[in-house]
Amino acid sequence: MVVSNPRTCRSADRAGLQREVRDYEPDVALSPTDGFEIYEKLVAIPRACLRPGGCSCSSLGYTSKDRVTAMLGAYWCAYE
């Protein structure tokens, strides 16, 4: 099983984040560009290391679902 809870956001959205996140999270914890780089890396990990029947779980940003599910293709299964 691969589990991930990445903190990602687009640089353009940073100003609108909660003060506790915006002012205290290190830059490395928030995505410096479009917010999808971490998902592109996370999609490759399960395909490379999970055994048959294994699973991968990750939280998504509130605007990320469509783009991330497109990256996952046939591997996508939602639990909302």
C-alpha atoms as a PDB file:
ATOM      1  CA  MET A   1       0.000   0.000   0.000  1.00  0.00           C
ATOM      2  CA  VAL A   2       1.179   3.501  -0.830  1.00  0.00           C
ATOM      3  CA  VAL A   3      -0.411   6.340   1.172  1.00  0.00           C
ATOM      4  CA  SER A   4       0.159  10.033   0.562  1.00  0.00           C
ATOM      5  CA  ASN A   5      -1.217  13.254   1.987  1.00  0.00           C
ATOM      6  CA  PRO A   6       0.604  15.860  -0.085  1.00  0.00           C
ATOM      7  CA  ARG A   7       0.130  19.531   0.609  1.00  0.00           C
ATOM      8  CA  THR A   8      -0.024  21.116  -2.772  1.00  0.00           C
ATOM      9  CA  CYS A   9      -1.485  24.253  -4.197  1.00  0.00           C
ATOM     10  CA  ARG A  10      -0.872  26.445  -7.186  1.00  0.00           C
ATOM     11  CA  SER A  11       1.354  29.447  -6.570  1.00  0.00           C
ATOM     12  CA  ALA A  12      -1.515  31.658  -7.710  1.00  0.00           C
ATOM     13  CA  ASP A  13      -3.726  30.259  -4.905  1.00  0.00           C
ATOM     14  CA  ARG A  14      -1.242  30.748  -2.077  1.00  0.00           C
ATOM     15  CA  ALA A  15      -2.504  34.221  -1.111  1.00  0.00           C
ATOM     16  CA  GLY A  16      -5.982  32.786  -0.516  1.00  0.00           C
ATOM     17  CA  LEU A  17      -4.872  30.001   1.837  1.00  0.00           C
ATOM     18  CA  GLN A  18      -5.630  30.011   5.538  1.00  0.00           C
ATOM     19  CA  ARG A  19      -3.167  32.215   7.391  1.00  0.00           C
ATOM     20  CA  GLU A  20      -1.888  29.212   9.364  1.00  0.00           C
ATOM     21  CA  VAL A  21      -0.877  27.496   6.140  1.00  0.00           C
ATOM     22  CA  ARG A  22       0.202  30.501   4.086  1.00  0.00           C
ATOM     23  CA  ASP A  23       2.392  32.087   6.762  1.00  0.00           C
ATOM     24  CA  TYR A  24       3.910  29.040   8.456  1.00  0.00           C
ATOM     25  CA  GLU A  25       4.224  26.169   6.000  1.00  0.00           C
ATOM     26  CA  PRO A  26       7.649  26.013   4.376  1.00  0.00           C
ATOM     27  CA  ASP A  27       7.760  26.690   0.637  1.00  0.00           C
ATOM     28  CA  VAL A  28       8.800  23.085  -0.003  1.00  0.00           C
ATOM     29  CA  ALA A  29       5.505  21.895   1.542  1.00  0.00           C
ATOM     30  CA  LEU A  30       3.501  23.860  -1.011  1.00  0.00           C
ATOM     31  CA  SER A  31       3.922  23.456  -4.715  1.00  0.00           C
ATOM     32  CA  PRO A  32       5.892  26.292  -6.274  1.00  0.00           C
ATOM     33  CA  THR A  33       4.181  26.095  -9.668  1.00  0.00           C
ATOM     34  CA  ASP A  34       0.932  24.495 -10.847  1.00  0.00           C
ATOM     35  CA  GLY A  35       0.296  22.099  -7.956  1.00  0.00           C
ATOM     36  CA  PHE A  36       0.433  18.867  -9.950  1.00  0.00           C
ATOM     37  CA  GLU A  37       4.117  17.953  -9.950  1.00  0.00           C
ATOM     38  CA  ILE A  38       3.753  15.792  -6.836  1.00  0.00           C
ATOM     39  CA  TYR A  39       0.804  13.904  -8.320  1.00  0.00           C
ATOM     40  CA  GLU A  40       2.755  13.165 -11.488  1.00  0.00           C
ATOM     41  CA  LYS A  41       5.431  11.540  -9.315  1.00  0.00           C
ATOM     42  CA  LEU A  42       2.911   9.758  -7.070  1.00  0.00           C
ATOM     43  CA  VAL A  43       1.132   8.187 -10.055  1.00  0.00           C
ATOM     44  CA  ALA A  44       4.360   6.488 -11.143  1.00  0.00           C
ATOM     45  CA  ILE A  45       5.225   5.016  -7.723  1.00  0.00           C
ATOM     46  CA  PRO A  46       2.388   2.474  -7.370  1.00  0.00           C
ATOM     47  CA  ARG A  47       2.808   1.225 -10.920  1.00  0.00           C
ATOM     48  CA  ALA A  48       6.491   0.617 -10.225  1.00  0.00           C
ATOM     49  CA  CYS A  49       6.365  -0.979  -6.783  1.00  0.00           C
ATOM     50  CA  LEU A  50       2.937  -2.378  -5.838  1.00  0.00           C
ATOM     51  CA  ARG A  51       2.254  -6.067  -6.021  1.00  0.00           C
ATOM     52  CA  PRO A  52      -0.944  -7.289  -7.699  1.00  0.00           C
ATOM     53  CA  GLY A  53      -3.874  -6.406  -5.447  1.00  0.00           C
ATOM     54  CA  GLY A  54      -1.990  -3.535  -3.791  1.00  0.00           C
ATOM     55  CA  CYS A  55      -3.469  -0.062  -3.549  1.00  0.00           C
ATOM     56  CA  SER A  56      -2.478   3.570  -3.419  1.00  0.00           C
ATOM     57  CA  CYS A  57      -4.346   6.291  -1.521  1.00  0.00           C
ATOM     58  CA  SER A  58      -3.804  10.022  -1.777  1.00  0.00           C
ATOM     59  CA  SER A  59      -5.634  13.155  -0.798  1.00  0.00           C
ATOM     60  CA  LEU A  60      -6.344  15.665  -3.556  1.00  0.00           C
ATOM     61  CA  GLY A  61      -6.573  19.420  -3.689  1.00  0.00           C
ATOM     62  CA  TYR A  62     -10.126  20.683  -4.056  1.00  0.00           C
ATOM     63  CA  THR A  63      -9.585  21.558  -7.726  1.00  0.00           C
ATOM     64  CA  SER A  64      -7.355  18.580  -8.595  1.00  0.00           C
ATOM     65  CA  LYS A  65      -9.737  15.671  -9.081  1.00  0.00           C
ATOM     66  CA  ASP A  66     -10.265  15.815 -12.857  1.00  0.00           C
ATOM     67  CA  ARG A  67      -6.616  16.282 -13.762  1.00  0.00           C
ATOM     68  CA  VAL A  68      -5.313  13.664 -11.316  1.00  0.00           C
ATOM     69  CA  THR A  69      -7.915  11.081 -12.312  1.00  0.00           C
ATOM     70  CA  ALA A  70      -6.888  11.614 -15.946  1.00  0.00           C
ATOM     71  CA  MET A  71      -3.285  10.856 -14.931  1.00  0.00           C
ATOM     72  CA  LEU A  72      -4.408   7.657 -13.213  1.00  0.00           C
ATOM     73  CA  GLY A  73      -6.497   6.403 -16.120  1.00  0.00           C
ATOM     74  CA  ALA A  74      -7.666   2.824 -15.550  1.00  0.00           C
ATOM     75  CA  TYR A  75      -6.095   2.772 -12.081  1.00  0.00           C
ATOM     76  CA  TRP A  76      -8.631   5.278 -10.731  1.00  0.00           C
ATOM     77  CA  CYS A  77     -11.147   4.240  -8.063  1.00  0.00           C
ATOM     78  CA  ALA A  78     -12.824   6.952  -5.994  1.00  0.00           C
ATOM     79  CA  TYR A  79     -13.777   6.911  -2.341  1.00  0.00           C
ATOM     80  CA  GLU A  80     -15.378  10.233  -1.608  1.00  0.00           C
END
